[in-house]
PDB file of all heavy atoms in Angstrom:
ATOM      1  N   ASN A   1      88.082 105.859 118.217  1.00  0.00           N
ATOM      2  CA  ASN A   1      86.772 105.245 117.953  1.00  0.00           C
ATOM      3  C   ASN A   1      86.329 105.497 116.536  1.00  0.00           C
ATOM      4  O   ASN A   1      85.648 104.671 115.926  1.00  0.00           O
ATOM      5  CB  ASN A   1      85.725 105.827 118.932  1.00  0.00           C
ATOM      6  CG  ASN A   1      85.963 105.358 120.378  1.00  0.00           C
ATOM      7  OD1 ASN A   1      86.384 104.253 120.604  1.00  0.00           O
ATOM      8  ND2 ASN A   1      85.710 106.267 121.322  1.00  0.00           N
ATOM      9  N   ALA A   2      86.731 106.637 115.955  1.00  0.00           N
ATOM     10  CA  ALA A   2      86.383 106.917 114.553  1.00  0.00           C
ATOM     11  C   ALA A   2      87.074 105.956 113.617  1.00  0.00           C
ATOM     12  O   ALA A   2      86.476 105.469 112.603  1.00  0.00           O
ATOM     13  CB  ALA A   2      86.749 108.358 114.228  1.00  0.00           C
ATOM     14  N   VAL A   3      88.302 105.585 113.917  1.00  0.00           N
ATOM     15  CA  VAL A   3      89.039 104.606 113.092  1.00  0.00           C
ATOM     16  C   VAL A   3      88.355 103.246 113.171  1.00  0.00           C
ATOM     17  O   VAL A   3      88.192 102.569 112.165  1.00  0.00           O
ATOM     18  CB  VAL A   3      90.516 104.506 113.524  1.00  0.00           C
ATOM     19  CG1 VAL A   3      91.229 103.386 112.850  1.00  0.00           C
ATOM     20  CG2 VAL A   3      91.253 105.822 113.258  1.00  0.00           C
ATOM     21  N   LEU A   4      87.997 102.856 114.352  1.00  0.00           N
ATOM     22  CA  LEU A   4      87.318 101.556 114.535  1.00  0.00           C
ATOM     23  C   LEU A   4      86.008 101.519 113.776  1.00  0.00           C
ATOM     24  O   LEU A   4      85.606 100.455 113.251  1.00  0.00           O
ATOM     25  CB  LEU A   4      87.073 101.261 116.025  1.00  0.00           C
ATOM     26  CG  LEU A   4      88.302 101.056 116.912  1.00  0.00           C
ATOM     27  CD1 LEU A   4      87.858 100.773 118.322  1.00  0.00           C
ATOM     28  CD2 LEU A   4      89.157  99.925 116.373  1.00  0.00           C
ATOM     29  N   ALA A   5      85.318 102.647 113.734  1.00  0.00           N
ATOM     30  CA  ALA A   5      83.996 102.701 113.079  1.00  0.00           C
ATOM     31  C   ALA A   5      84.057 103.026 111.586  1.00  0.00           C
ATOM     32  O   ALA A   5      83.021 103.139 110.947  1.00  0.00           O
ATOM     33  CB  ALA A   5      83.122 103.732 113.779  1.00  0.00           C
ATOM     34  N   ARG A   6      85.308 103.210 111.069  1.00  0.00           N
ATOM     35  CA  ARG A   6      85.447 103.613 109.648  1.00  0.00           C
ATOM     36  C   ARG A   6      84.685 104.892 109.363  1.00  0.00           C
ATOM     37  O   ARG A   6      84.056 105.027 108.320  1.00  0.00           O
ATOM     38  CB  ARG A   6      85.008 102.513 108.685  1.00  0.00           C
ATOM     39  CG  ARG A   6      85.709 101.174 108.870  1.00  0.00           C
ATOM     40  CD  ARG A   6      87.209 101.275 108.651  1.00  0.00           C
ATOM     41  NE  ARG A   6      87.855  99.972 108.728  1.00  0.00           N
ATOM     42  CZ  ARG A   6      88.338  99.434 109.806  1.00  0.00           C
ATOM     43  NH1 ARG A   6      88.239 100.094 110.967  1.00  0.00           N
ATOM     44  NH2 ARG A   6      88.932  98.253 109.794  1.00  0.00           N
ATOM     45  N   ASP A   7      84.688 105.807 110.314  1.00  0.00           N
ATOM     46  CA  ASP A   7      83.956 107.040 110.189  1.00  0.00           C
ATOM     47  C   ASP A   7      84.816 108.040 109.420  1.00  0.00           C
ATOM     48  O   ASP A   7      85.562 108.839 109.999  1.00  0.00           O
ATOM     49  CB  ASP A   7      83.636 107.603 111.608  1.00  0.00           C
ATOM     50  CG  ASP A   7      82.540 108.664 111.583  1.00  0.00           C
ATOM     51  OD1 ASP A   7      82.416 109.318 110.530  1.00  0.00           O
ATOM     52  OD2 ASP A   7      81.838 108.812 112.603  1.00  0.00           O
ATOM     53  N   TYR A   8      84.745 107.993 108.080  1.00  0.00           N
ATOM     54  CA  TYR A   8      85.592 108.790 107.242  1.00  0.00           C
ATOM     55  C   TYR A   8      85.604 110.273 107.558  1.00  0.00           C
ATOM     56  O   TYR A   8      86.677 110.881 107.760  1.00  0.00           O
ATOM     57  CB  TYR A   8      85.193 108.604 105.736  1.00  0.00           C
ATOM     58  CG  TYR A   8      85.440 107.227 105.197  1.00  0.00           C
ATOM     59  CD1 TYR A   8      84.791 106.824 104.028  1.00  0.00           C
ATOM     60  CD2 TYR A   8      86.303 106.358 105.831  1.00  0.00           C
ATOM     61  CE1 TYR A   8      84.986 105.562 103.505  1.00  0.00           C
ATOM     62  CE2 TYR A   8      86.523 105.096 105.310  1.00  0.00           C
ATOM     63  CZ  TYR A   8      85.852 104.681 104.152  1.00  0.00           C
ATOM     64  OH  TYR A   8      86.029 103.444 103.632  1.00  0.00           O
ATOM     65  N   PRO A   9      84.437 110.930 107.609  1.00  0.00           N
ATOM     66  CA  PRO A   9      84.466 112.380 107.865  1.00  0.00           C
ATOM     67  C   PRO A   9      85.066 112.747 109.215  1.00  0.00           C
ATOM     68  O   PRO A   9      85.834 113.694 109.304  1.00  0.00           O
ATOM     69  CB  PRO A   9      82.946 112.752 107.840  1.00  0.00           C
ATOM     70  CG  PRO A   9      82.319 111.715 107.021  1.00  0.00           C
ATOM     71  CD  PRO A   9      83.071 110.452 107.357  1.00  0.00           C
ATOM     72  N   LEU A  10      84.733 112.017 110.244  1.00  0.00           N
ATOM     73  CA  LEU A  10      85.309 112.305 111.570  1.00  0.00           C
ATOM     74  C   LEU A  10      86.777 112.093 111.589  1.00  0.00           C
ATOM     75  O   LEU A  10      87.552 112.880 112.185  1.00  0.00           O
ATOM     76  CB  LEU A  10      84.613 111.417 112.625  1.00  0.00           C
ATOM     77  CG  LEU A  10      85.013 111.692 114.092  1.00  0.00           C
ATOM     78  CD1 LEU A  10      84.802 113.145 114.450  1.00  0.00           C
ATOM     79  CD2 LEU A  10      84.220 110.766 115.045  1.00  0.00           C
ATOM     80  N   MET A  11      87.258 111.005 110.936  1.00  0.00           N
ATOM     81  CA  MET A  11      88.711 110.759 110.881  1.00  0.00           C
ATOM     82  C   MET A  11      89.400 111.901 110.107  1.00  0.00           C
ATOM     83  O   MET A  11      90.443 112.437 110.498  1.00  0.00           O
ATOM     84  CB  MET A  11      88.976 109.425 110.163  1.00  0.00           C
ATOM     85  CG  MET A  11      88.856 108.238 111.048  1.00  0.00           C
ATOM     86  SD  MET A  11      89.453 106.732 110.225  1.00  0.00           S
ATOM     87  CE  MET A  11      88.188 106.431 109.083  1.00  0.00           C
ATOM     88  N   GLN A  12      88.802 112.270 108.949  1.00  0.00           N
ATOM     89  CA  GLN A  12      89.404 113.276 108.079  1.00  0.00           C
ATOM     90  C   GLN A  12      89.659 114.612 108.827  1.00  0.00           C
ATOM     91  O   GLN A  12      90.772 115.118 108.899  1.00  0.00           O
ATOM     92  CB  GLN A  12      88.541 113.484 106.868  1.00  0.00           C
ATOM     93  CG  GLN A  12      88.640 112.431 105.837  1.00  0.00           C
ATOM     94  CD  GLN A  12      87.751 112.695 104.655  1.00  0.00           C
ATOM     95  OE1 GLN A  12      87.879 112.097 103.584  1.00  0.00           O
ATOM     96  NE2 GLN A  12      86.787 113.592 104.782  1.00  0.00           N
ATOM     97  N   TYR A  13      88.590 115.146 109.356  1.00  0.00           N
ATOM     98  CA  TYR A  13      88.663 116.477 109.967  1.00  0.00           C
ATOM     99  C   TYR A  13      89.386 116.461 111.316  1.00  0.00           C
ATOM    100  O   TYR A  13      90.025 117.433 111.672  1.00  0.00           O
ATOM    101  CB  TYR A  13      87.278 117.091 110.084  1.00  0.00           C
ATOM    102  CG  TYR A  13      86.608 117.273 108.736  1.00  0.00           C
ATOM    103  CD1 TYR A  13      85.525 116.529 108.337  1.00  0.00           C
ATOM    104  CD2 TYR A  13      87.138 118.185 107.820  1.00  0.00           C
ATOM    105  CE1 TYR A  13      84.931 116.670 107.098  1.00  0.00           C
ATOM    106  CE2 TYR A  13      86.528 118.363 106.586  1.00  0.00           C
ATOM    107  CZ  TYR A  13      85.463 117.601 106.239  1.00  0.00           C
ATOM    108  OH  TYR A  13      84.862 117.761 104.984  1.00  0.00           O
ATOM    109  N   GLY A  14      89.296 115.339 112.023  1.00  0.00           N
ATOM    110  CA  GLY A  14      90.048 115.239 113.259  1.00  0.00           C
ATOM    111  C   GLY A  14      91.529 115.135 113.022  1.00  0.00           C
ATOM    112  O   GLY A  14      92.328 115.883 113.625  1.00  0.00           O
ATOM    113  N   PHE A  15      91.954 114.273 112.074  1.00  0.00           N
ATOM    114  CA  PHE A  15      93.376 114.174 111.806  1.00  0.00           C
ATOM    115  C   PHE A  15      93.915 115.447 111.111  1.00  0.00           C
ATOM    116  O   PHE A  15      95.060 115.858 111.367  1.00  0.00           O
ATOM    117  CB  PHE A  15      93.616 112.984 110.850  1.00  0.00           C
ATOM    118  CG  PHE A  15      93.539 111.646 111.507  1.00  0.00           C
ATOM    119  CD1 PHE A  15      92.844 110.614 110.916  1.00  0.00           C
ATOM    120  CD2 PHE A  15      94.077 111.430 112.764  1.00  0.00           C
ATOM    121  CE1 PHE A  15      92.720 109.364 111.530  1.00  0.00           C
ATOM    122  CE2 PHE A  15      93.973 110.188 113.373  1.00  0.00           C
ATOM    123  CZ  PHE A  15      93.290 109.160 112.788  1.00  0.00           C
ATOM    124  N   LEU A  16      93.079 116.066 110.302  1.00  0.00           N
ATOM    125  CA  LEU A  16      93.525 117.306 109.673  1.00  0.00           C
ATOM    126  C   LEU A  16      93.787 118.401 110.694  1.00  0.00           C
ATOM    127  O   LEU A  16      94.792 119.094 110.606  1.00  0.00           O
ATOM    128  CB  LEU A  16      92.424 117.785 108.693  1.00  0.00           C
ATOM    129  CG  LEU A  16      92.711 119.077 107.922  1.00  0.00           C
ATOM    130  CD1 LEU A  16      93.930 118.906 107.048  1.00  0.00           C
ATOM    131  CD2 LEU A  16      91.521 119.506 107.124  1.00  0.00           C
ATOM    132  N   LEU A  17      92.885 118.543 111.643  1.00  0.00           N
ATOM    133  CA  LEU A  17      93.076 119.597 112.660  1.00  0.00           C
ATOM    134  C   LEU A  17      94.317 119.345 113.488  1.00  0.00           C
ATOM    135  O   LEU A  17      95.127 120.277 113.687  1.00  0.00           O
ATOM    136  CB  LEU A  17      91.839 119.605 113.559  1.00  0.00           C
ATOM    137  CG  LEU A  17      91.859 120.626 114.710  1.00  0.00           C
ATOM    138  CD1 LEU A  17      91.928 122.067 114.146  1.00  0.00           C
ATOM    139  CD2 LEU A  17      90.643 120.500 115.597  1.00  0.00           C
ATOM    140  N   THR A  18      94.530 118.116 113.912  1.00  0.00           N
ATOM    141  CA  THR A  18      95.706 117.803 114.722  1.00  0.00           C
ATOM    142  C   THR A  18      97.008 117.986 113.922  1.00  0.00           C
ATOM    143  O   THR A  18      98.017 118.445 114.432  1.00  0.00           O
ATOM    144  CB  THR A  18      95.637 116.425 115.326  1.00  0.00           C
ATOM    145  OG1 THR A  18      95.439 115.465 114.254  1.00  0.00           O
ATOM    146  CG2 THR A  18      94.480 116.304 116.271  1.00  0.00           C
ATOM    147  N   SER A  19      96.990 117.558 112.680  1.00  0.00           N
ATOM    148  CA  SER A  19      98.165 117.671 111.820  1.00  0.00           C
ATOM    149  C   SER A  19      98.538 119.128 111.575  1.00  0.00           C
ATOM    150  O   SER A  19      99.740 119.512 111.616  1.00  0.00           O
ATOM    151  CB  SER A  19      97.947 116.992 110.465  1.00  0.00           C
ATOM    152  OG  SER A  19      97.664 115.612 110.630  1.00  0.00           O
ATOM    153  N   ILE A  20      97.550 119.964 111.332  1.00  0.00           N
ATOM    154  CA  ILE A  20      97.829 121.416 111.130  1.00  0.00           C
ATOM    155  C   ILE A  20      98.391 122.037 112.367  1.00  0.00           C
ATOM    156  O   ILE A  20      99.287 122.880 112.330  1.00  0.00           O
ATOM    157  CB  ILE A  20      96.572 122.109 110.644  1.00  0.00           C
ATOM    158  CG1 ILE A  20      96.223 121.705 109.194  1.00  0.00           C
ATOM    159  CG2 ILE A  20      96.741 123.629 110.680  1.00  0.00           C
ATOM    160  CD1 ILE A  20      94.967 122.275 108.660  1.00  0.00           C
ATOM    161  N   MET A  21      97.906 121.602 113.538  1.00  0.00           N
ATOM    162  CA  MET A  21      98.412 122.142 114.807  1.00  0.00           C
ATOM    163  C   MET A  21      99.912 121.784 115.001  1.00  0.00           C
ATOM    164  O   MET A  21     100.670 122.591 115.471  1.00  0.00           O
ATOM    165  CB  MET A  21      97.592 121.608 115.977  1.00  0.00           C
ATOM    166  CG  MET A  21      96.211 122.200 116.071  1.00  0.00           C
ATOM    167  SD  MET A  21      96.161 123.988 116.137  1.00  0.00           S
ATOM    168  CE  MET A  21      97.119 124.323 117.603  1.00  0.00           C
ATOM    169  N   VAL A  22     100.244 120.592 114.613  1.00  0.00           N
ATOM    170  CA  VAL A  22     101.681 120.165 114.709  1.00  0.00           C
ATOM    171  C   VAL A  22     102.542 121.037 113.785  1.00  0.00           C
ATOM    172  O   VAL A  22     103.612 121.480 114.159  1.00  0.00           O
ATOM    173  CB  VAL A  22     101.836 118.684 114.338  1.00  0.00           C
ATOM    174  CG1 VAL A  22     103.333 118.279 114.242  1.00  0.00           C
ATOM    175  CG2 VAL A  22     101.127 117.805 115.386  1.00  0.00           C
ATOM    176  N   ILE A  23     102.063 121.241 112.546  1.00  0.00           N
ATOM    177  CA  ILE A  23     102.812 122.042 111.603  1.00  0.00           C
ATOM    178  C   ILE A  23     102.962 123.508 112.062  1.00  0.00           C
ATOM    179  O   ILE A  23     104.031 124.093 111.973  1.00  0.00           O
ATOM    180  CB  ILE A  23     102.126 121.991 110.205  1.00  0.00           C
ATOM    181  CG1 ILE A  23     102.214 120.568 109.670  1.00  0.00           C
ATOM    182  CG2 ILE A  23     102.821 122.941 109.236  1.00  0.00           C
ATOM    183  CD1 ILE A  23     101.426 120.357 108.389  1.00  0.00           C
ATOM    184  N   LEU A  24     101.862 124.082 112.563  1.00  0.00           N
ATOM    185  CA  LEU A  24     101.891 125.434 113.045  1.00  0.00           C
ATOM    186  C   LEU A  24     102.822 125.577 114.242  1.00  0.00           C
ATOM    187  O   LEU A  24     103.533 126.597 114.388  1.00  0.00           O
ATOM    188  CB  LEU A  24     100.499 125.925 113.387  1.00  0.00           C
ATOM    189  CG  LEU A  24      99.531 126.096 112.210  1.00  0.00           C
ATOM    190  CD1 LEU A  24      98.135 126.566 112.702  1.00  0.00           C
ATOM    191  CD2 LEU A  24     100.080 127.114 111.221  1.00  0.00           C
ATOM    192  N   ALA A  25     102.832 124.588 115.099  1.00  0.00           N
ATOM    193  CA  ALA A  25     103.723 124.621 116.275  1.00  0.00           C
ATOM    194  C   ALA A  25     105.169 124.557 115.832  1.00  0.00           C
ATOM    195  O   ALA A  25     106.027 125.263 116.393  1.00  0.00           O
ATOM    196  CB  ALA A  25     103.428 123.471 117.234  1.00  0.00           C
ATOM    197  N   SER A  26     105.478 123.766 114.823  1.00  0.00           N
ATOM    198  CA  SER A  26     106.846 123.673 114.282  1.00  0.00           C
ATOM    199  C   SER A  26     107.242 124.999 113.663  1.00  0.00           C
ATOM    200  O   SER A  26     108.376 125.482 113.840  1.00  0.00           O
ATOM    201  CB  SER A  26     106.922 122.584 113.242  1.00  0.00           C
ATOM    202  OG  SER A  26     108.201 122.491 112.718  1.00  0.00           O
ATOM    203  N   CYS A  27     106.318 125.653 112.938  1.00  0.00           N
ATOM    204  CA  CYS A  27     106.601 126.975 112.347  1.00  0.00           C
ATOM    205  C   CYS A  27     106.820 128.014 113.446  1.00  0.00           C
ATOM    206  O   CYS A  27     107.753 128.835 113.331  1.00  0.00           O
ATOM    207  CB  CYS A  27     105.408 127.397 111.434  1.00  0.00           C
ATOM    208  SG  CYS A  27     105.664 128.968 110.619  1.00  0.00           S
ATOM    209  N   LEU A  28     106.025 127.967 114.475  1.00  0.00           N
ATOM    210  CA  LEU A  28     106.187 128.904 115.597  1.00  0.00           C
ATOM    211  C   LEU A  28     107.513 128.674 116.309  1.00  0.00           C
ATOM    212  O   LEU A  28     108.165 129.616 116.756  1.00  0.00           O
ATOM    213  CB  LEU A  28     104.996 128.726 116.566  1.00  0.00           C
ATOM    214  CG  LEU A  28     105.019 129.671 117.815  1.00  0.00           C
ATOM    215  CD1 LEU A  28     104.919 131.135 117.371  1.00  0.00           C
ATOM    216  CD2 LEU A  28     103.839 129.329 118.751  1.00  0.00           C
ATOM    217  N   THR A  29     107.919 127.405 116.370  1.00  0.00           N
ATOM    218  CA  THR A  29     109.225 127.075 117.020  1.00  0.00           C
ATOM    219  C   THR A  29     110.369 127.730 116.246  1.00  0.00           C
ATOM    220  O   THR A  29     111.283 128.314 116.835  1.00  0.00           O
ATOM    221  CB  THR A  29     109.417 125.562 117.051  1.00  0.00           C
ATOM    222  OG1 THR A  29     108.323 124.969 117.792  1.00  0.00           O
ATOM    223  CG2 THR A  29     110.717 125.206 117.705  1.00  0.00           C
ATOM    224  N   ASP A  30     110.324 127.644 114.926  1.00  0.00           N
ATOM    225  CA  ASP A  30     111.379 128.261 114.103  1.00  0.00           C
ATOM    226  C   ASP A  30     111.450 129.744 114.329  1.00  0.00           C
ATOM    227  O   ASP A  30     112.520 130.336 114.478  1.00  0.00           O
ATOM    228  CB  ASP A  30     111.105 127.944 112.596  1.00  0.00           C
ATOM    229  CG  ASP A  30     111.467 126.536 112.267  1.00  0.00           C
ATOM    230  OD1 ASP A  30     112.180 125.869 113.079  1.00  0.00           O
ATOM    231  OD2 ASP A  30     111.043 126.043 111.214  1.00  0.00           O
ATOM    232  N   ALA A  31     110.272 130.406 114.381  1.00  0.00           N
ATOM    233  CA  ALA A  31     110.242 131.848 114.568  1.00  0.00           C
ATOM    234  C   ALA A  31     110.736 132.275 115.938  1.00  0.00           C
ATOM    235  O   ALA A  31     111.542 133.205 116.026  1.00  0.00           O
ATOM    236  CB  ALA A  31     108.805 132.348 114.337  1.00  0.00           C
ATOM    237  N   LEU A  32     110.296 131.581 116.975  1.00  0.00           N
ATOM    238  CA  LEU A  32     110.703 131.960 118.328  1.00  0.00           C
ATOM    239  C   LEU A  32     112.141 131.571 118.594  1.00  0.00           C
ATOM    240  O   LEU A  32     112.839 132.240 119.372  1.00  0.00           O
ATOM    241  CB  LEU A  32     109.768 131.302 119.349  1.00  0.00           C
ATOM    242  CG  LEU A  32     108.323 131.766 119.345  1.00  0.00           C
ATOM    243  CD1 LEU A  32     107.516 131.044 120.397  1.00  0.00           C
ATOM    244  CD2 LEU A  32     108.253 133.284 119.606  1.00  0.00           C
ATOM    245  N   TYR A  33     112.574 130.487 117.977  1.00  0.00           N
ATOM    246  CA  TYR A  33     113.953 130.020 118.229  1.00  0.00           C
ATOM    247  C   TYR A  33     114.976 131.036 117.765  1.00  0.00           C
ATOM    248  O   TYR A  33     115.985 131.264 118.380  1.00  0.00           O
ATOM    249  CB  TYR A  33     114.183 128.688 117.495  1.00  0.00           C
ATOM    250  CG  TYR A  33     115.293 127.840 118.051  1.00  0.00           C
ATOM    251  CD1 TYR A  33     115.460 127.711 119.429  1.00  0.00           C
ATOM    252  CD2 TYR A  33     116.192 127.179 117.209  1.00  0.00           C
ATOM    253  CE1 TYR A  33     116.454 126.904 119.917  1.00  0.00           C
ATOM    254  CE2 TYR A  33     117.167 126.387 117.723  1.00  0.00           C
ATOM    255  CZ  TYR A  33     117.315 126.268 119.112  1.00  0.00           C
ATOM    256  OH  TYR A  33     118.324 125.471 119.644  1.00  0.00           O
ATOM    257  N   ALA A  34     114.648 131.674 116.607  1.00  0.00           N
ATOM    258  CA  ALA A  34     115.550 132.682 116.103  1.00  0.00           C
ATOM    259  C   ALA A  34     115.568 133.945 117.012  1.00  0.00           C
ATOM    260  O   ALA A  34     116.581 134.624 117.106  1.00  0.00           O
ATOM    261  CB  ALA A  34     115.103 133.100 114.688  1.00  0.00           C
TER     262      ALA A  34
END
């Protein structure tokens, strides 16, 4: 809904939070995999 509304701040911080979670999960995967 934020994309449809061109809601810049909501898009920014929402996408940022989800992207960081993906990166942290990948980092955790490397650590636990070893």
